[in-house]
Amino acid sequence: MKRFITLLSAGAVALMLSNSVVAGTDSTVTAAQIQAAKTPADHEAIAVAYDKEAARFDAMAKDHASMAKSYKAAATTQKGMGGAAMGMHCEKLVETYKKAAEENRQMAAEHRKMKM
C-alpha cells in the first residue's frame, strides 16, 4: 500500500509540474494574433507558437505514458482496481495529447502555407 501511495504522489507531482509548464508559456495563439496576421513574418510567428504547443503536448503524452506504466505496475501488486483505472486514465490522456500535438502541427503547416 505504501508503494502505491508513493507512486500516486509521484504521479500527482508530475501532473502538476506538466500543467505548470503549459500554463507558464506564452506560445498560445490568440484570436487577435490571427486577425492581425498580414505578413509572412506574422504567419511564421503563429506557426512557431503552434509548433511549441505541439512539443509541449508531446512531452505531456510522454509523461502520462510513463505514469500509466507505473500505475499498471502498482495495480498488479496492490489490491483493488485503483491503479489499473488510473493507468487507463493516463492512457486516454496520452491519446488526447498526441492528437492535440498533431492538430497543432497541422495548424503550423497551414500558417506556413499562408506566408508564401
PDB file of N, CA and C in Angstrom:
ATOM      1  N   MET A   1       0.830  -1.191   0.000  1.00  0.00           N
ATOM      2  CA  MET A   1       0.000   0.000   0.000  1.00  0.00           C
ATOM      3  C   MET A   1       0.875   1.257   0.000  1.00  0.00           C
ATOM      4  N   LYS A   2       1.974   1.198   0.761  1.00  0.00           N
ATOM      5  CA  LYS A   2       2.858   2.355   0.842  1.00  0.00           C
ATOM      6  C   LYS A   2       3.465   2.665  -0.529  1.00  0.00           C
ATOM      7  N   ARG A   3       3.823   1.622  -1.279  1.00  0.00           N
ATOM      8  CA  ARG A   3       4.391   1.816  -2.619  1.00  0.00           C
ATOM      9  C   ARG A   3       3.369   2.470  -3.546  1.00  0.00           C
ATOM     10  N   PHE A   4       2.137   2.027  -3.452  1.00  0.00           N
ATOM     11  CA  PHE A   4       1.074   2.578  -4.287  1.00  0.00           C
ATOM     12  C   PHE A   4       0.874   4.058  -3.992  1.00  0.00           C
ATOM     13  N   ILE A   5       0.874   4.423  -2.727  1.00  0.00           N
ATOM     14  CA  ILE A   5       0.693   5.827  -2.339  1.00  0.00           C
ATOM     15  C   ILE A   5       1.876   6.658  -2.838  1.00  0.00           C
ATOM     16  N   THR A   6       3.075   6.097  -2.760  1.00  0.00           N
ATOM     17  CA  THR A   6       4.252   6.797  -3.272  1.00  0.00           C
ATOM     18  C   THR A   6       4.123   7.033  -4.772  1.00  0.00           C
ATOM     19  N   LEU A   7       3.707   6.004  -5.509  1.00  0.00           N
ATOM     20  CA  LEU A   7       3.511   6.149  -6.953  1.00  0.00           C
ATOM     21  C   LEU A   7       2.427   7.169  -7.265  1.00  0.00           C
ATOM     22  N   LEU A   8       1.354   7.131  -6.519  1.00  0.00           N
ATOM     23  CA  LEU A   8       0.265   8.088  -6.713  1.00  0.00           C
ATOM     24  C   LEU A   8       0.757   9.513  -6.467  1.00  0.00           C
ATOM     25  N   SER A   9       1.514   9.694  -5.409  1.00  0.00           N
ATOM     26  CA  SER A   9       2.061  11.024  -5.101  1.00  0.00           C
ATOM     27  C   SER A   9       2.997  11.495  -6.202  1.00  0.00           C
ATOM     28  N   ALA A  10       3.856  10.603  -6.685  1.00  0.00           N
ATOM     29  CA  ALA A  10       4.788  10.967  -7.758  1.00  0.00           C
ATOM     30  C   ALA A  10       4.022  11.351  -9.025  1.00  0.00           C
ATOM     31  N   GLY A  11       2.962  10.619  -9.328  1.00  0.00           N
ATOM     32  CA  GLY A  11       2.143  10.938 -10.497  1.00  0.00           C
ATOM     33  C   GLY A  11       1.474  12.293 -10.361  1.00  0.00           C
ATOM     34  N   ALA A  12       0.988  12.587  -9.174  1.00  0.00           N
ATOM     35  CA  ALA A  12       0.333  13.877  -8.944  1.00  0.00           C
ATOM     36  C   ALA A  12       1.327  15.023  -9.089  1.00  0.00           C
ATOM     37  N   VAL A  13       2.526  14.843  -8.573  1.00  0.00           N
ATOM     38  CA  VAL A  13       3.549  15.882  -8.695  1.00  0.00           C
ATOM     39  C   VAL A  13       3.914  16.087 -10.164  1.00  0.00           C
ATOM     40  N   ALA A  14       4.101  14.979 -10.893  1.00  0.00           N
ATOM     41  CA  ALA A  14       4.439  15.084 -12.321  1.00  0.00           C
ATOM     42  C   ALA A  14       3.341  15.808 -13.083  1.00  0.00           C
ATOM     43  N   LEU A  15       2.103  15.511 -12.770  1.00  0.00           N
ATOM     44  CA  LEU A  15       0.981  16.163 -13.439  1.00  0.00           C
ATOM     45  C   LEU A  15       0.955  17.658 -13.134  1.00  0.00           C
ATOM     46  N   MET A  16       1.180  18.016 -11.885  1.00  0.00           N
ATOM     47  CA  MET A  16       1.196  19.433 -11.526  1.00  0.00           C
ATOM     48  C   MET A  16       2.327  20.162 -12.239  1.00  0.00           C
ATOM     49  N   LEU A  17       3.498  19.530 -12.300  1.00  0.00           N
ATOM     50  CA  LEU A  17       4.618  20.161 -12.979  1.00  0.00           C
ATOM     51  C   LEU A  17       4.354  20.308 -14.465  1.00  0.00           C
ATOM     52  N   SER A  18       3.766  19.291 -15.082  1.00  0.00           N
ATOM     53  CA  SER A  18       3.490  19.397 -16.518  1.00  0.00           C
ATOM     54  C   SER A  18       2.447  20.471 -16.787  1.00  0.00           C
ATOM     55  N   ASN A  19       1.476  20.606 -15.914  1.00  0.00           N
ATOM     56  CA  ASN A  19       0.467  21.653 -16.092  1.00  0.00           C
ATOM     57  C   ASN A  19       1.066  23.039 -15.874  1.00  0.00           C
ATOM     58  N   SER A  20       2.023  23.161 -14.951  1.00  0.00           N
ATOM     59  CA  SER A  20       2.629  24.471 -14.730  1.00  0.00           C
ATOM     60  C   SER A  20       3.487  24.864 -15.920  1.00  0.00           C
ATOM     61  N   VAL A  21       4.073  23.891 -16.589  1.00  0.00           N
ATOM     62  CA  VAL A  21       4.848  24.181 -17.797  1.00  0.00           C
ATOM     63  C   VAL A  21       3.930  24.726 -18.871  1.00  0.00           C
ATOM     64  N   VAL A  22       2.763  24.112 -19.035  1.00  0.00           N
ATOM     65  CA  VAL A  22       1.809  24.573 -20.040  1.00  0.00           C
ATOM     66  C   VAL A  22       1.303  25.967 -19.699  1.00  0.00           C
ATOM     67  N   ALA A  23       0.947  26.192 -18.457  1.00  0.00           N
ATOM     68  CA  ALA A  23       0.397  27.483 -18.067  1.00  0.00           C
ATOM     69  C   ALA A  23       1.447  28.586 -18.111  1.00  0.00           C
ATOM     70  N   GLY A  24       2.728  28.229 -17.975  1.00  0.00           N
ATOM     71  CA  GLY A  24       3.764  29.230 -17.877  1.00  0.00           C
ATOM     72  C   GLY A  24       4.374  29.658 -19.198  1.00  0.00           C
ATOM     73  N   THR A  25       3.825  29.264 -20.305  1.00  0.00           N
ATOM     74  CA  THR A  25       4.430  29.627 -21.580  1.00  0.00           C
ATOM     75  C   THR A  25       3.558  30.627 -22.310  1.00  0.00           C
ATOM     76  N   ASP A  26       4.200  31.356 -23.236  1.00  0.00           N
ATOM     77  CA  ASP A  26       3.499  32.386 -23.988  1.00  0.00           C
ATOM     78  C   ASP A  26       3.267  31.976 -25.431  1.00  0.00           C
ATOM     79  N   SER A  27       3.169  30.696 -25.706  1.00  0.00           N
ATOM     80  CA  SER A  27       3.057  30.263 -27.096  1.00  0.00           C
ATOM     81  C   SER A  27       1.616  30.055 -27.544  1.00  0.00           C
ATOM     82  N   THR A  28       0.644  30.398 -26.728  1.00  0.00           N
ATOM     83  CA  THR A  28      -0.743  30.238 -27.117  1.00  0.00           C
ATOM     84  C   THR A  28      -1.096  31.279 -28.180  1.00  0.00           C
ATOM     85  N   VAL A  29      -1.700  30.811 -29.239  1.00  0.00           N
ATOM     86  CA  VAL A  29      -2.124  31.701 -30.319  1.00  0.00           C
ATOM     87  C   VAL A  29      -3.452  32.331 -29.917  1.00  0.00           C
ATOM     88  N   THR A  30      -3.566  33.643 -30.134  1.00  0.00           N
ATOM     89  CA  THR A  30      -4.792  34.342 -29.777  1.00  0.00           C
ATOM     90  C   THR A  30      -5.585  34.714 -31.032  1.00  0.00           C
ATOM     91  N   ALA A  31      -6.852  34.981 -30.843  1.00  0.00           N
ATOM     92  CA  ALA A  31      -7.696  35.424 -31.954  1.00  0.00           C
ATOM     93  C   ALA A  31      -7.182  36.741 -32.523  1.00  0.00           C
ATOM     94  N   ALA A  32      -6.712  37.622 -31.655  1.00  0.00           N
ATOM     95  CA  ALA A  32      -6.186  38.914 -32.112  1.00  0.00           C
ATOM     96  C   ALA A  32      -4.958  38.718 -32.996  1.00  0.00           C
ATOM     97  N   GLN A  33      -4.127  37.775 -32.625  1.00  0.00           N
ATOM     98  CA  GLN A  33      -2.926  37.476 -33.415  1.00  0.00           C
ATOM     99  C   GLN A  33      -3.317  36.980 -34.811  1.00  0.00           C
ATOM    100  N   ILE A  34      -4.297  36.129 -34.872  1.00  0.00           N
ATOM    101  CA  ILE A  34      -4.748  35.583 -36.159  1.00  0.00           C
ATOM    102  C   ILE A  34      -5.360  36.684 -37.017  1.00  0.00           C
ATOM    103  N   GLN A  35      -6.198  37.522 -36.413  1.00  0.00           N
ATOM    104  CA  GLN A  35      -6.831  38.607 -37.158  1.00  0.00           C
ATOM    105  C   GLN A  35      -5.815  39.613 -37.683  1.00  0.00           C
ATOM    106  N   ALA A  36      -4.752  39.822 -36.922  1.00  0.00           N
ATOM    107  CA  ALA A  36      -3.751  40.820 -37.312  1.00  0.00           C
ATOM    108  C   ALA A  36      -2.710  40.277 -38.294  1.00  0.00           C
ATOM    109  N   ALA A  37      -2.676  38.972 -38.502  1.00  0.00           N
ATOM    110  CA  ALA A  37      -1.637  38.370 -39.347  1.00  0.00           C
ATOM    111  C   ALA A  37      -1.814  38.793 -40.807  1.00  0.00           C
ATOM    112  N   LYS A  38      -0.853  39.542 -41.296  1.00  0.00           N
ATOM    113  CA  LYS A  38      -0.894  40.031 -42.672  1.00  0.00           C
ATOM    114  C   LYS A  38       0.382  39.676 -43.444  1.00  0.00           C
ATOM    115  N   THR A  39       1.484  39.596 -42.734  1.00  0.00           N
ATOM    116  CA  THR A  39       2.775  39.405 -43.394  1.00  0.00           C
ATOM    117  C   THR A  39       3.263  37.965 -43.210  1.00  0.00           C
ATOM    118  N   PRO A  40       4.221  37.561 -44.040  1.00  0.00           N
ATOM    119  CA  PRO A  40       4.832  36.239 -43.837  1.00  0.00           C
ATOM    120  C   PRO A  40       5.407  36.075 -42.429  1.00  0.00           C
ATOM    121  N   ALA A  41       5.994  37.123 -41.875  1.00  0.00           N
ATOM    122  CA  ALA A  41       6.555  37.050 -40.525  1.00  0.00           C
ATOM    123  C   ALA A  41       5.464  36.816 -39.478  1.00  0.00           C
ATOM    124  N   ASP A  42       4.301  37.437 -39.667  1.00  0.00           N
ATOM    125  CA  ASP A  42       3.179  37.230 -38.745  1.00  0.00           C
ATOM    126  C   ASP A  42       2.753  35.768 -38.745  1.00  0.00           C
ATOM    127  N   HIS A  43       2.632  35.196 -39.943  1.00  0.00           N
ATOM    128  CA  HIS A  43       2.202  33.798 -40.045  1.00  0.00           C
ATOM    129  C   HIS A  43       3.269  32.844 -39.522  1.00  0.00           C
ATOM    130  N   GLU A  44       4.532  33.185 -39.724  1.00  0.00           N
ATOM    131  CA  GLU A  44       5.609  32.344 -39.186  1.00  0.00           C
ATOM    132  C   GLU A  44       5.601  32.369 -37.664  1.00  0.00           C
ATOM    133  N   ALA A  45       5.337  33.529 -37.080  1.00  0.00           N
ATOM    134  CA  ALA A  45       5.269  33.622 -35.618  1.00  0.00           C
ATOM    135  C   ALA A  45       4.142  32.743 -35.079  1.00  0.00           C
ATOM    136  N   ILE A  46       3.017  32.737 -35.768  1.00  0.00           N
ATOM    137  CA  ILE A  46       1.894  31.891 -35.354  1.00  0.00           C
ATOM    138  C   ILE A  46       2.276  30.419 -35.523  1.00  0.00           C
ATOM    139  N   ALA A  47       2.920  30.088 -36.627  1.00  0.00           N
ATOM    140  CA  ALA A  47       3.343  28.703 -36.864  1.00  0.00           C
ATOM    141  C   ALA A  47       4.305  28.231 -35.777  1.00  0.00           C
ATOM    142  N   VAL A  48       5.244  29.089 -35.393  1.00  0.00           N
ATOM    143  CA  VAL A  48       6.204  28.739 -34.342  1.00  0.00           C
ATOM    144  C   VAL A  48       5.465  28.493 -33.019  1.00  0.00           C
ATOM    145  N   ALA A  49       4.475  29.311 -32.723  1.00  0.00           N
ATOM    146  CA  ALA A  49       3.696  29.123 -31.494  1.00  0.00           C
ATOM    147  C   ALA A  49       2.973  27.777 -31.522  1.00  0.00           C
ATOM    148  N   TYR A  50       2.393  27.423 -32.664  1.00  0.00           N
ATOM    149  CA  TYR A  50       1.734  26.114 -32.774  1.00  0.00           C
ATOM    150  C   TYR A  50       2.748  24.978 -32.631  1.00  0.00           C
ATOM    151  N   ASP A  51       3.947  25.147 -33.187  1.00  0.00           N
ATOM    152  CA  ASP A  51       4.995  24.134 -33.031  1.00  0.00           C
ATOM    153  C   ASP A  51       5.359  23.941 -31.562  1.00  0.00           C
ATOM    154  N   LYS A  52       5.453  25.051 -30.824  1.00  0.00           N
ATOM    155  CA  LYS A  52       5.795  24.973 -29.398  1.00  0.00           C
ATOM    156  C   LYS A  52       4.694  24.248 -28.623  1.00  0.00           C
ATOM    157  N   GLU A  53       3.452  24.535 -28.965  1.00  0.00           N
ATOM    158  CA  GLU A  53       2.353  23.850 -28.294  1.00  0.00           C
ATOM    159  C   GLU A  53       2.384  22.360 -28.607  1.00  0.00           C
ATOM    160  N   ALA A  54       2.686  22.011 -29.843  1.00  0.00           N
ATOM    161  CA  ALA A  54       2.780  20.596 -30.224  1.00  0.00           C
ATOM    162  C   ALA A  54       3.871  19.902 -29.411  1.00  0.00           C
ATOM    163  N   ALA A  55       4.999  20.547 -29.253  1.00  0.00           N
ATOM    164  CA  ALA A  55       6.098  19.962 -28.480  1.00  0.00           C
ATOM    165  C   ALA A  55       5.698  19.764 -27.019  1.00  0.00           C
ATOM    166  N   ARG A  56       4.983  20.731 -26.448  1.00  0.00           N
ATOM    167  CA  ARG A  56       4.511  20.584 -25.059  1.00  0.00           C
ATOM    168  C   ARG A  56       3.546  19.422 -24.936  1.00  0.00           C
ATOM    169  N   PHE A  57       2.628  19.302 -25.895  1.00  0.00           N
ATOM    170  CA  PHE A  57       1.681  18.195 -25.846  1.00  0.00           C
ATOM    171  C   PHE A  57       2.392  16.852 -26.010  1.00  0.00           C
ATOM    172  N   ASP A  58       3.416  16.797 -26.857  1.00  0.00           N
ATOM    173  CA  ASP A  58       4.205  15.568 -26.991  1.00  0.00           C
ATOM    174  C   ASP A  58       4.858  15.197 -25.659  1.00  0.00           C
ATOM    175  N   ALA A  59       5.411  16.184 -24.971  1.00  0.00           N
ATOM    176  CA  ALA A  59       6.046  15.933 -23.672  1.00  0.00           C
ATOM    177  C   ALA A  59       5.030  15.458 -22.640  1.00  0.00           C
ATOM    178  N   MET A  60       3.850  16.049 -22.663  1.00  0.00           N
ATOM    179  CA  MET A  60       2.812  15.634 -21.723  1.00  0.00           C
ATOM    180  C   MET A  60       2.360  14.206 -22.024  1.00  0.00           C
ATOM    181  N   ALA A  61       2.265  13.861 -23.295  1.00  0.00           N
ATOM    182  CA  ALA A  61       1.898  12.488 -23.666  1.00  0.00           C
ATOM    183  C   ALA A  61       2.945  11.516 -23.145  1.00  0.00           C
ATOM    184  N   LYS A  62       4.203  11.872 -23.299  1.00  0.00           N
ATOM    185  CA  LYS A  62       5.286  11.015 -22.822  1.00  0.00           C
ATOM    186  C   LYS A  62       5.219  10.845 -21.303  1.00  0.00           C
ATOM    187  N   ASP A  63       4.989  11.934 -20.587  1.00  0.00           N
ATOM    188  CA  ASP A  63       4.870  11.864 -19.128  1.00  0.00           C
ATOM    189  C   ASP A  63       3.726  10.948 -18.706  1.00  0.00           C
ATOM    190  N   HIS A  64       2.597  11.082 -19.366  1.00  0.00           N
ATOM    191  CA  HIS A  64       1.443  10.267 -19.000  1.00  0.00           C
ATOM    192  C   HIS A  64       1.630   8.801 -19.391  1.00  0.00           C
ATOM    193  N   ALA A  65       2.361   8.540 -20.439  1.00  0.00           N
ATOM    194  CA  ALA A  65       2.662   7.148 -20.795  1.00  0.00           C
ATOM    195  C   ALA A  65       3.489   6.509 -19.686  1.00  0.00           C
ATOM    196  N   SER A  66       4.427   7.267 -19.154  1.00  0.00           N
ATOM    197  CA  SER A  66       5.249   6.773 -18.047  1.00  0.00           C
ATOM    198  C   SER A  66       4.403   6.548 -16.794  1.00  0.00           C
ATOM    199  N   MET A  67       3.509   7.494 -16.516  1.00  0.00           N
ATOM    200  CA  MET A  67       2.633   7.336 -15.351  1.00  0.00           C
ATOM    201  C   MET A  67       1.714   6.132 -15.519  1.00  0.00           C
ATOM    202  N   ALA A  68       1.199   5.919 -16.712  1.00  0.00           N
ATOM    203  CA  ALA A  68       0.323   4.768 -16.958  1.00  0.00           C
ATOM    204  C   ALA A  68       1.062   3.472 -16.666  1.00  0.00           C
ATOM    205  N   LYS A  69       2.285   3.406 -17.113  1.00  0.00           N
ATOM    206  CA  LYS A  69       3.105   2.219 -16.867  1.00  0.00           C
ATOM    207  C   LYS A  69       3.295   1.996 -15.367  1.00  0.00           C
ATOM    208  N   SER A  70       3.571   3.063 -14.635  1.00  0.00           N
ATOM    209  CA  SER A  70       3.764   2.963 -13.182  1.00  0.00           C
ATOM    210  C   SER A  70       2.484   2.529 -12.478  1.00  0.00           C
ATOM    211  N   TYR A  71       1.362   3.116 -12.863  1.00  0.00           N
ATOM    212  CA  TYR A  71       0.096   2.738 -12.243  1.00  0.00           C
ATOM    213  C   TYR A  71      -0.235   1.273 -12.515  1.00  0.00           C
ATOM    214  N   LYS A  72      -0.010   0.827 -13.740  1.00  0.00           N
ATOM    215  CA  LYS A  72      -0.314  -0.563 -14.070  1.00  0.00           C
ATOM    216  C   LYS A  72       0.586  -1.521 -13.303  1.00  0.00           C
ATOM    217  N   ALA A  73       1.853  -1.157 -13.133  1.00  0.00           N
ATOM    218  CA  ALA A  73       2.763  -1.994 -12.352  1.00  0.00           C
ATOM    219  C   ALA A  73       2.306  -2.061 -10.895  1.00  0.00           C
ATOM    220  N   ALA A  74       1.868  -0.936 -10.351  1.00  0.00           N
ATOM    221  CA  ALA A  74       1.393  -0.904  -8.969  1.00  0.00           C
ATOM    222  C   ALA A  74       0.110  -1.702  -8.822  1.00  0.00           C
ATOM    223  N   ALA A  75      -0.731  -1.681  -9.847  1.00  0.00           N
ATOM    224  CA  ALA A  75      -2.016  -2.386  -9.777  1.00  0.00           C
ATOM    225  C   ALA A  75      -1.820  -3.889  -9.689  1.00  0.00           C
ATOM    226  N   THR A  76      -0.731  -4.396 -10.258  1.00  0.00           N
ATOM    227  CA  THR A  76      -0.506  -5.848 -10.205  1.00  0.00           C
ATOM    228  C   THR A  76      -0.059  -6.305  -8.834  1.00  0.00           C
ATOM    229  N   THR A  77       0.435  -5.387  -8.009  1.00  0.00           N
ATOM    230  CA  THR A  77       0.917  -5.757  -6.680  1.00  0.00           C
ATOM    231  C   THR A  77      -0.007  -5.272  -5.567  1.00  0.00           C
ATOM    232  N   GLN A  78      -1.016  -4.503  -5.904  1.00  0.00           N
ATOM    233  CA  GLN A  78      -1.915  -3.942  -4.893  1.00  0.00           C
ATOM    234  C   GLN A  78      -3.325  -4.481  -5.089  1.00  0.00           C
ATOM    235  N   LYS A  79      -4.081  -4.501  -4.013  1.00  0.00           N
ATOM    236  CA  LYS A  79      -5.482  -4.903  -4.106  1.00  0.00           C
ATOM    237  C   LYS A  79      -6.310  -3.778  -4.699  1.00  0.00           C
ATOM    238  N   GLY A  80      -7.406  -4.120  -5.324  1.00  0.00           N
ATOM    239  CA  GLY A  80      -8.326  -3.131  -5.865  1.00  0.00           C
ATOM    240  C   GLY A  80      -7.974  -2.751  -7.288  1.00  0.00           C
ATOM    241  N   MET A  81      -8.816  -1.933  -7.885  1.00  0.00           N
ATOM    242  CA  MET A  81      -8.652  -1.525  -9.279  1.00  0.00           C
ATOM    243  C   MET A  81      -8.142  -0.101  -9.413  1.00  0.00           C
ATOM    244  N   GLY A  82      -7.824   0.567  -8.311  1.00  0.00           N
ATOM    245  CA  GLY A  82      -7.420   1.966  -8.385  1.00  0.00           C
ATOM    246  C   GLY A  82      -6.285   2.221  -9.342  1.00  0.00           C
ATOM    247  N   GLY A  83      -5.198   1.461  -9.210  1.00  0.00           N
ATOM    248  CA  GLY A  83      -4.046   1.670 -10.075  1.00  0.00           C
ATOM    249  C   GLY A  83      -4.356   1.381 -11.528  1.00  0.00           C
ATOM    250  N   ALA A  84      -5.103   0.327 -11.786  1.00  0.00           N
ATOM    251  CA  ALA A  84      -5.455  -0.011 -13.173  1.00  0.00           C
ATOM    252  C   ALA A  84      -6.330   1.080 -13.784  1.00  0.00           C
ATOM    253  N   ALA A  85      -7.281   1.583 -13.020  1.00  0.00           N
ATOM    254  CA  ALA A  85      -8.168   2.632 -13.524  1.00  0.00           C
ATOM    255  C   ALA A  85      -7.378   3.916 -13.794  1.00  0.00           C
ATOM    256  N   MET A  86      -6.441   4.230 -12.922  1.00  0.00           N
ATOM    257  CA  MET A  86      -5.643   5.437 -13.128  1.00  0.00           C
ATOM    258  C   MET A  86      -4.712   5.256 -14.322  1.00  0.00           C
ATOM    259  N   GLY A  87      -4.224   4.036 -14.522  1.00  0.00           N
ATOM    260  CA  GLY A  87      -3.410   3.752 -15.696  1.00  0.00           C
ATOM    261  C   GLY A  87      -4.196   3.964 -16.979  1.00  0.00           C
ATOM    262  N   MET A  88      -5.443   3.508 -16.988  1.00  0.00           N
ATOM    263  CA  MET A  88      -6.290   3.710 -18.167  1.00  0.00           C
ATOM    264  C   MET A  88      -6.567   5.199 -18.385  1.00  0.00           C
ATOM    265  N   HIS A  89      -6.753   5.926 -17.298  1.00  0.00           N
ATOM    266  CA  HIS A  89      -6.958   7.382 -17.390  1.00  0.00           C
ATOM    267  C   HIS A  89      -5.751   8.029 -18.069  1.00  0.00           C
ATOM    268  N   CYS A  90      -4.553   7.655 -17.629  1.00  0.00           N
ATOM    269  CA  CYS A  90      -3.338   8.223 -18.220  1.00  0.00           C
ATOM    270  C   CYS A  90      -3.219   7.839 -19.693  1.00  0.00           C
ATOM    271  N   GLU A  91      -3.589   6.608 -20.036  1.00  0.00           N
ATOM    272  CA  GLU A  91      -3.534   6.186 -21.439  1.00  0.00           C
ATOM    273  C   GLU A  91      -4.475   7.013 -22.307  1.00  0.00           C
ATOM    274  N   LYS A  92      -5.642   7.344 -21.774  1.00  0.00           N
ATOM    275  CA  LYS A  92      -6.567   8.199 -22.517  1.00  0.00           C
ATOM    276  C   LYS A  92      -5.961   9.583 -22.727  1.00  0.00           C
ATOM    277  N   LEU A  93      -5.303  10.097 -21.686  1.00  0.00           N
ATOM    278  CA  LEU A  93      -4.661  11.400 -21.819  1.00  0.00           C
ATOM    279  C   LEU A  93      -3.521  11.351 -22.829  1.00  0.00           C
ATOM    280  N   VAL A  94      -2.797  10.246 -22.889  1.00  0.00           N
ATOM    281  CA  VAL A  94      -1.730  10.102 -23.879  1.00  0.00           C
ATOM    282  C   VAL A  94      -2.311  10.293 -25.277  1.00  0.00           C
ATOM    283  N   GLU A  95      -3.412   9.618 -25.570  1.00  0.00           N
ATOM    284  CA  GLU A  95      -4.034   9.739 -26.888  1.00  0.00           C
ATOM    285  C   GLU A  95      -4.543  11.160 -27.137  1.00  0.00           C
ATOM    286  N   THR A  96      -5.134  11.770 -26.115  1.00  0.00           N
ATOM    287  CA  THR A  96      -5.631  13.137 -26.247  1.00  0.00           C
ATOM    288  C   THR A  96      -4.487  14.103 -26.551  1.00  0.00           C
ATOM    289  N   TYR A  97      -3.390  13.989 -25.802  1.00  0.00           N
ATOM    290  CA  TYR A  97      -2.252  14.882 -26.018  1.00  0.00           C
ATOM    291  C   TYR A  97      -1.586  14.635 -27.362  1.00  0.00           C
ATOM    292  N   LYS A  98      -1.506  13.373 -27.791  1.00  0.00           N
ATOM    293  CA  LYS A  98      -0.923  13.083 -29.108  1.00  0.00           C
ATOM    294  C   LYS A  98      -1.766  13.714 -30.216  1.00  0.00           C
ATOM    295  N   LYS A  99      -3.080  13.612 -30.074  1.00  0.00           N
ATOM    296  CA  LYS A  99      -3.968  14.200 -31.065  1.00  0.00           C
ATOM    297  C   LYS A  99      -3.832  15.726 -31.073  1.00  0.00           C
ATOM    298  N   ALA A 100      -3.765  16.330 -29.903  1.00  0.00           N
ATOM    299  CA  ALA A 100      -3.611  17.785 -29.816  1.00  0.00           C
ATOM    300  C   ALA A 100      -2.282  18.223 -30.432  1.00  0.00           C
ATOM    301  N   ALA A 101      -1.228  17.452 -30.212  1.00  0.00           N
ATOM    302  CA  ALA A 101       0.072  17.781 -30.800  1.00  0.00           C
ATOM    303  C   ALA A 101      -0.009  17.735 -32.317  1.00  0.00           C
ATOM    304  N   GLU A 102      -0.632  16.709 -32.848  1.00  0.00           N
ATOM    305  CA  GLU A 102      -0.758  16.583 -34.306  1.00  0.00           C
ATOM    306  C   GLU A 102      -1.591  17.723 -34.888  1.00  0.00           C
ATOM    307  N   GLU A 103      -2.671  18.086 -34.226  1.00  0.00           N
ATOM    308  CA  GLU A 103      -3.503  19.187 -34.708  1.00  0.00           C
ATOM    309  C   GLU A 103      -2.729  20.507 -34.694  1.00  0.00           C
ATOM    310  N   ASN A 104      -1.899  20.715 -33.683  1.00  0.00           N
ATOM    311  CA  ASN A 104      -1.075  21.928 -33.640  1.00  0.00           C
ATOM    312  C   ASN A 104      -0.045  21.929 -34.757  1.00  0.00           C
ATOM    313  N   ARG A 105       0.542  20.768 -35.060  1.00  0.00           N
ATOM    314  CA  ARG A 105       1.483  20.694 -36.182  1.00  0.00           C
ATOM    315  C   ARG A 105       0.779  21.008 -37.508  1.00  0.00           C
ATOM    316  N   GLN A 106      -0.454  20.542 -37.651  1.00  0.00           N
ATOM    317  CA  GLN A 106      -1.225  20.834 -38.869  1.00  0.00           C
ATOM    318  C   GLN A 106      -1.509  22.329 -38.982  1.00  0.00           C
ATOM    319  N   MET A 107      -1.846  22.964 -37.869  1.00  0.00           N
ATOM    320  CA  MET A 107      -2.108  24.399 -37.888  1.00  0.00           C
ATOM    321  C   MET A 107      -0.834  25.170 -38.246  1.00  0.00           C
ATOM    322  N   ALA A 108       0.299  24.729 -37.716  1.00  0.00           N
ATOM    323  CA  ALA A 108       1.574  25.374 -38.058  1.00  0.00           C
ATOM    324  C   ALA A 108       1.828  25.251 -39.556  1.00  0.00           C
ATOM    325  N   ALA A 109       1.583  24.083 -40.119  1.00  0.00           N
ATOM    326  CA  ALA A 109       1.797  23.871 -41.554  1.00  0.00           C
ATOM    327  C   ALA A 109       0.885  24.773 -42.380  1.00  0.00           C
ATOM    328  N   GLU A 110      -0.351  24.931 -41.954  1.00  0.00           N
ATOM    329  CA  GLU A 110      -1.281  25.798 -42.683  1.00  0.00           C
ATOM    330  C   GLU A 110      -0.812  27.255 -42.661  1.00  0.00           C
ATOM    331  N   HIS A 111      -0.331  27.711 -41.532  1.00  0.00           N
ATOM    332  CA  HIS A 111       0.167  29.093 -41.460  1.00  0.00           C
ATOM    333  C   HIS A 111       1.431  29.269 -42.281  1.00  0.00           C
ATOM    334  N   ARG A 112       2.229  28.248 -42.383  1.00  0.00           N
ATOM    335  CA  ARG A 112       3.423  28.352 -43.232  1.00  0.00           C
ATOM    336  C   ARG A 112       3.038  28.429 -44.706  1.00  0.00           C
ATOM    337  N   LYS A 113       1.941  27.811 -45.079  1.00  0.00           N
ATOM    338  CA  LYS A 113       1.441  27.938 -46.454  1.00  0.00           C
ATOM    339  C   LYS A 113       0.974  29.375 -46.717  1.00  0.00           C
ATOM    340  N   MET A 114       0.381  30.002 -45.703  1.00  0.00           N
ATOM    341  CA  MET A 114      -0.158  31.358 -45.867  1.00  0.00           C
ATOM    342  C   MET A 114       0.944  32.387 -46.040  1.00  0.00           C
ATOM    343  N   LYS A 115       2.127  32.120 -45.589  1.00  0.00           N
ATOM    344  CA  LYS A 115       3.193  33.126 -45.671  1.00  0.00           C
ATOM    345  C   LYS A 115       3.899  33.146 -46.998  1.00  0.00           C
ATOM    346  N   MET A 116       3.580  32.219 -47.858  1.00  0.00           N
ATOM    347  CA  MET A 116       4.277  32.158 -49.164  1.00  0.00           C
ATOM    348  C   MET A 116       3.692  33.143 -50.141  1.00  0.00           C
TER     349      MET A 116
END
